[in-house]
C-alpha atoms as a PDB file:
ATOM      1  CA  UNK A   1       7.543  19.505  27.493  1.00  0.00           C
ATOM      2  CA  UNK A   2       5.678  17.145  29.456  1.00  0.00           C
ATOM      3  CA  UNK A   3       8.638  17.918  32.348  1.00  0.00           C
ATOM      4  CA  UNK A   4       8.532  21.678  32.115  1.00  0.00           C
ATOM      5  CA  UNK A   5       5.054  21.247  32.774  1.00  0.00           C
ATOM      6  CA  UNK A   6       4.874  19.296  35.222  1.00  0.00           C
ATOM      7  CA  UNK A   7       7.910  22.243  37.137  1.00  0.00           C
ATOM      8  CA  UNK A   8       5.248  24.823  36.286  1.00  0.00           C
ATOM      9  CA  UNK A   9       2.211  22.760  38.230  1.00  0.00           C
ATOM     10  CA  UNK A  10       4.164  21.477  41.357  1.00  0.00           C
ATOM     11  CA  UNK A  11       6.217  24.902  42.143  1.00  0.00           C
ATOM     12  CA  UNK A  12       3.598  26.709  44.048  1.00  0.00           C
ATOM     13  CA  UNK A  13       3.062  22.969  46.447  1.00  0.00           C
ATOM     14  CA  UNK A  14       6.255  23.136  46.657  1.00  0.00           C
ATOM     15  CA  UNK A  15       6.671  26.169  48.197  1.00  0.00           C
ATOM     16  CA  UNK A  16       4.087  25.499  50.245  1.00  0.00           C
ATOM     17  CA  UNK A  17       5.450  21.952  51.359  1.00  0.00           C
ATOM     18  CA  UNK A  18       8.602  23.608  52.107  1.00  0.00           C
ATOM     19  CA  UNK A  19       7.334  25.779  53.542  1.00  0.00           C
ATOM     20  CA  UNK A  20       4.526  23.275  55.990  1.00  0.00           C
ATOM     21  CA  UNK A  21       8.488  21.523  55.896  1.00  0.00           C
ATOM     22  CA  UNK A  22      10.054  24.269  57.547  1.00  0.00           C
ATOM     23  CA  UNK A  23       8.032  25.606  60.489  1.00  0.00           C
ATOM     24  CA  UNK A  24       7.381  21.342  61.386  1.00  0.00           C
ATOM     25  CA  UNK A  25      10.277  19.074  60.519  1.00  0.00           C
ATOM     26  CA  UNK A  26       8.995  16.512  58.278  1.00  0.00           C
ATOM     27  CA  UNK A  27       4.893  18.231  57.505  1.00  0.00           C
ATOM     28  CA  UNK A  28       6.866  18.867  53.337  1.00  0.00           C
ATOM     29  CA  UNK A  29       6.835  15.475  52.553  1.00  0.00           C
ATOM     30  CA  UNK A  30       3.909  14.794  54.498  1.00  0.00           C
ATOM     31  CA  UNK A  31       2.145  17.650  51.922  1.00  0.00           C
ATOM     32  CA  UNK A  32       3.400  15.566  49.365  1.00  0.00           C
ATOM     33  CA  UNK A  33       2.656  12.346  50.349  1.00  0.00           C
ATOM     34  CA  UNK A  34       6.159  10.884  51.274  1.00  0.00           C
ATOM     35  CA  UNK A  35       5.003   9.312  54.584  1.00  0.00           C
ATOM     36  CA  UNK A  36       8.087   6.839  55.119  1.00  0.00           C
ATOM     37  CA  UNK A  37      10.393   9.854  54.542  1.00  0.00           C
ATOM     38  CA  UNK A  38       8.013  12.656  56.840  1.00  0.00           C
ATOM     39  CA  UNK A  39       8.885   9.672  60.120  1.00  0.00           C
ATOM     40  CA  UNK A  40      12.388   9.964  59.431  1.00  0.00           C
ATOM     41  CA  UNK A  41      12.282  13.112  59.376  1.00  0.00           C
ATOM     42  CA  UNK A  42      10.537  14.773  62.147  1.00  0.00           C
ATOM     43  CA  UNK A  43      11.964  12.316  64.772  1.00  0.00           C
ATOM     44  CA  UNK A  44      15.496  12.142  63.754  1.00  0.00           C
ATOM     45  CA  UNK A  45      15.548  16.202  63.930  1.00  0.00           C
ATOM     46  CA  UNK A  46      13.114  16.083  67.218  1.00  0.00           C
ATOM     47  CA  UNK A  47      15.301  13.463  68.734  1.00  0.00           C
ATOM     48  CA  UNK A  48      18.495  15.548  68.196  1.00  0.00           C
ATOM     49  CA  UNK A  49      16.618  19.472  68.887  1.00  0.00           C
ATOM     50  CA  UNK A  50      15.021  17.887  72.306  1.00  0.00           C
ATOM     51  CA  UNK A  51      18.193  15.854  72.773  1.00  0.00           C
ATOM     52  CA  UNK A  52      20.485  19.724  72.187  1.00  0.00           C
ATOM     53  CA  UNK A  53      17.125  20.985  74.740  1.00  0.00           C
ATOM     54  CA  UNK A  54      17.878  18.781  77.438  1.00  0.00           C
ATOM     55  CA  UNK A  55      21.388  19.440  77.870  1.00  0.00           C
ATOM     56  CA  UNK A  56      21.632  22.906  77.762  1.00  0.00           C
ATOM     57  CA  UNK A  57      22.573  24.312  74.539  1.00  0.00           C
ATOM     58  CA  UNK A  58      22.178  27.494  73.526  1.00  0.00           C
ATOM     59  CA  UNK A  59      19.467  29.021  71.498  1.00  0.00           C
ATOM     60  CA  UNK A  60      21.155  32.031  68.969  1.00  0.00           C
ATOM     61  CA  UNK A  61      19.121  35.090  69.365  1.00  0.00           C
ATOM     62  CA  UNK A  62      18.333  37.333  66.309  1.00  0.00           C
ATOM     63  CA  UNK A  63      20.379  40.400  67.738  1.00  0.00           C
ATOM     64  CA  UNK A  64      23.689  37.732  66.464  1.00  0.00           C
ATOM     65  CA  UNK A  65      27.412  40.202  68.035  1.00  0.00           C
ATOM     66  CA  UNK A  66      29.437  39.072  64.995  1.00  0.00           C
ATOM     67  CA  UNK A  67      29.523  35.821  62.258  1.00  0.00           C
ATOM     68  CA  UNK A  68      30.149  33.505  63.981  1.00  0.00           C
ATOM     69  CA  UNK A  69      26.550  34.556  66.120  1.00  0.00           C
ATOM     70  CA  UNK A  70      24.897  34.534  63.003  1.00  0.00           C
ATOM     71  CA  UNK A  71      25.233  31.463  61.747  1.00  0.00           C
ATOM     72  CA  UNK A  72      24.667  29.875  65.055  1.00  0.00           C
ATOM     73  CA  UNK A  73      20.329  32.045  65.046  1.00  0.00           C
ATOM     74  CA  UNK A  74      20.995  30.785  61.351  1.00  0.00           C
ATOM     75  CA  UNK A  75      21.337  27.591  61.969  1.00  0.00           C
ATOM     76  CA  UNK A  76      19.612  27.248  64.792  1.00  0.00           C
ATOM     77  CA  UNK A  77      15.822  28.957  63.770  1.00  0.00           C
ATOM     78  CA  UNK A  78      16.455  26.541  60.958  1.00  0.00           C
ATOM     79  CA  UNK A  79      14.503  24.017  63.516  1.00  0.00           C
ATOM     80  CA  UNK A  80      11.631  25.175  62.855  1.00  0.00           C
ATOM     81  CA  UNK A  81       8.619  25.073  65.852  1.00  0.00           C
ATOM     82  CA  UNK A  82      11.732  24.037  67.984  1.00  0.00           C
ATOM     83  CA  UNK A  83      13.828  26.160  67.595  1.00  0.00           C
ATOM     84  CA  UNK A  84      10.455  28.498  69.114  1.00  0.00           C
ATOM     85  CA  UNK A  85       9.801  26.493  71.370  1.00  0.00           C
ATOM     86  CA  UNK A  86      12.991  26.319  73.236  1.00  0.00           C
ATOM     87  CA  UNK A  87      12.072  28.713  76.209  1.00  0.00           C
ATOM     88  CA  UNK A  88       9.579  25.896  76.765  1.00  0.00           C
ATOM     89  CA  UNK A  89      10.594  23.153  76.385  1.00  0.00           C
ATOM     90  CA  UNK A  90      14.479  24.259  78.802  1.00  0.00           C
ATOM     91  CA  UNK A  91      13.044  27.190  81.103  1.00  0.00           C
ATOM     92  CA  UNK A  92      16.738  27.179  82.179  1.00  0.00           C
ATOM     93  CA  UNK A  93      18.527  28.714  79.807  1.00  0.00           C
ATOM     94  CA  UNK A  94      21.275  27.187  77.862  1.00  0.00           C
ATOM     95  CA  UNK A  95      24.945  26.685  80.552  1.00  0.00           C
ATOM     96  CA  UNK A  96      27.333  25.945  78.024  1.00  0.00           C
ATOM     97  CA  UNK A  97      29.757  26.302  81.093  1.00  0.00           C
ATOM     98  CA  UNK A  98      29.411  22.481  81.467  1.00  0.00           C
ATOM     99  CA  UNK A  99      31.015  19.840  78.402  1.00  0.00           C
ATOM    100  CA  UNK A 100      26.859  18.495  78.184  1.00  0.00           C
ATOM    101  CA  UNK A 101      25.677  22.333  77.275  1.00  0.00           C
ATOM    102  CA  UNK A 102      28.595  22.635  73.909  1.00  0.00           C
ATOM    103  CA  UNK A 103      27.682  19.359  73.146  1.00  0.00           C
ATOM    104  CA  UNK A 104      23.485  20.709  73.213  1.00  0.00           C
ATOM    105  CA  UNK A 105      24.361  23.899  71.753  1.00  0.00           C
ATOM    106  CA  UNK A 106      26.012  21.394  69.097  1.00  0.00           C
ATOM    107  CA  UNK A 107      23.533  18.621  68.898  1.00  0.00           C
ATOM    108  CA  UNK A 108      20.404  22.019  68.392  1.00  0.00           C
ATOM    109  CA  UNK A 109      22.063  23.353  65.994  1.00  0.00           C
ATOM    110  CA  UNK A 110      22.130  20.151  63.778  1.00  0.00           C
ATOM    111  CA  UNK A 111      18.805  19.713  64.230  1.00  0.00           C
ATOM    112  CA  UNK A 112      18.360  22.801  62.400  1.00  0.00           C
ATOM    113  CA  UNK A 113      20.657  22.652  59.356  1.00  0.00           C
ATOM    114  CA  UNK A 114      19.313  18.672  58.663  1.00  0.00           C
ATOM    115  CA  UNK A 115      15.954  20.226  58.601  1.00  0.00           C
ATOM    116  CA  UNK A 116      17.673  23.272  56.225  1.00  0.00           C
ATOM    117  CA  UNK A 117      18.576  19.868  54.872  1.00  0.00           C
ATOM    118  CA  UNK A 118      14.807  18.525  54.403  1.00  0.00           C
ATOM    119  CA  UNK A 119      13.516  21.642  53.126  1.00  0.00           C
ATOM    120  CA  UNK A 120      15.358  21.423  50.248  1.00  0.00           C
ATOM    121  CA  UNK A 121      15.042  18.163  49.603  1.00  0.00           C
ATOM    122  CA  UNK A 122      11.308  18.833  49.688  1.00  0.00           C
ATOM    123  CA  UNK A 123      12.192  21.266  46.669  1.00  0.00           C
ATOM    124  CA  UNK A 124      14.011  18.792  44.237  1.00  0.00           C
ATOM    125  CA  UNK A 125      10.977  16.255  45.442  1.00  0.00           C
ATOM    126  CA  UNK A 126       7.862  19.073  44.309  1.00  0.00           C
ATOM    127  CA  UNK A 127       9.801  21.183  41.877  1.00  0.00           C
ATOM    128  CA  UNK A 128       9.895  17.893  39.722  1.00  0.00           C
ATOM    129  CA  UNK A 129      14.170  17.643  40.079  1.00  0.00           C
ATOM    130  CA  UNK A 130      14.670  14.796  42.104  1.00  0.00           C
ATOM    131  CA  UNK A 131      13.462  11.766  40.546  1.00  0.00           C
ATOM    132  CA  UNK A 132      11.349   8.911  42.832  1.00  0.00           C
ATOM    133  CA  UNK A 133      11.462   5.839  41.488  1.00  0.00           C
ATOM    134  CA  UNK A 134      10.440   3.150  42.812  1.00  0.00           C
ATOM    135  CA  UNK A 135      13.939   1.992  44.795  1.00  0.00           C
ATOM    136  CA  UNK A 136      13.590   6.005  46.713  1.00  0.00           C
ATOM    137  CA  UNK A 137      10.855   6.005  46.952  1.00  0.00           C
ATOM    138  CA  UNK A 138       8.377   6.837  50.157  1.00  0.00           C
END
């Protein structure tokens, strides 16, 4: 019974933390006081996104031409604030005519998918579904 109460008590916090973690990578873990994870996740997602943009990777928009473009958009928007700042970070836009731009596209999408996985972890922790014992503290 205590586990059910713990889950229901943390549900609003878990949803707020997940939304915060999507918008700013690692912020959801900050809300849940998982400081080490927050720093690591922000750095990992941030480095992947920034390097992908600096390599002039393509950033997919919401007006997708086909299913693969839509998947690219979902992956890219998963990076949160980096997606919305992509035009500012790389004002020249994507250039996939060179290998670096193609790799940049993949790196930016990877940043988004990684951040979405972090959001799912925030939900697990917030709903009490993930054991955060002494070995996993952070």
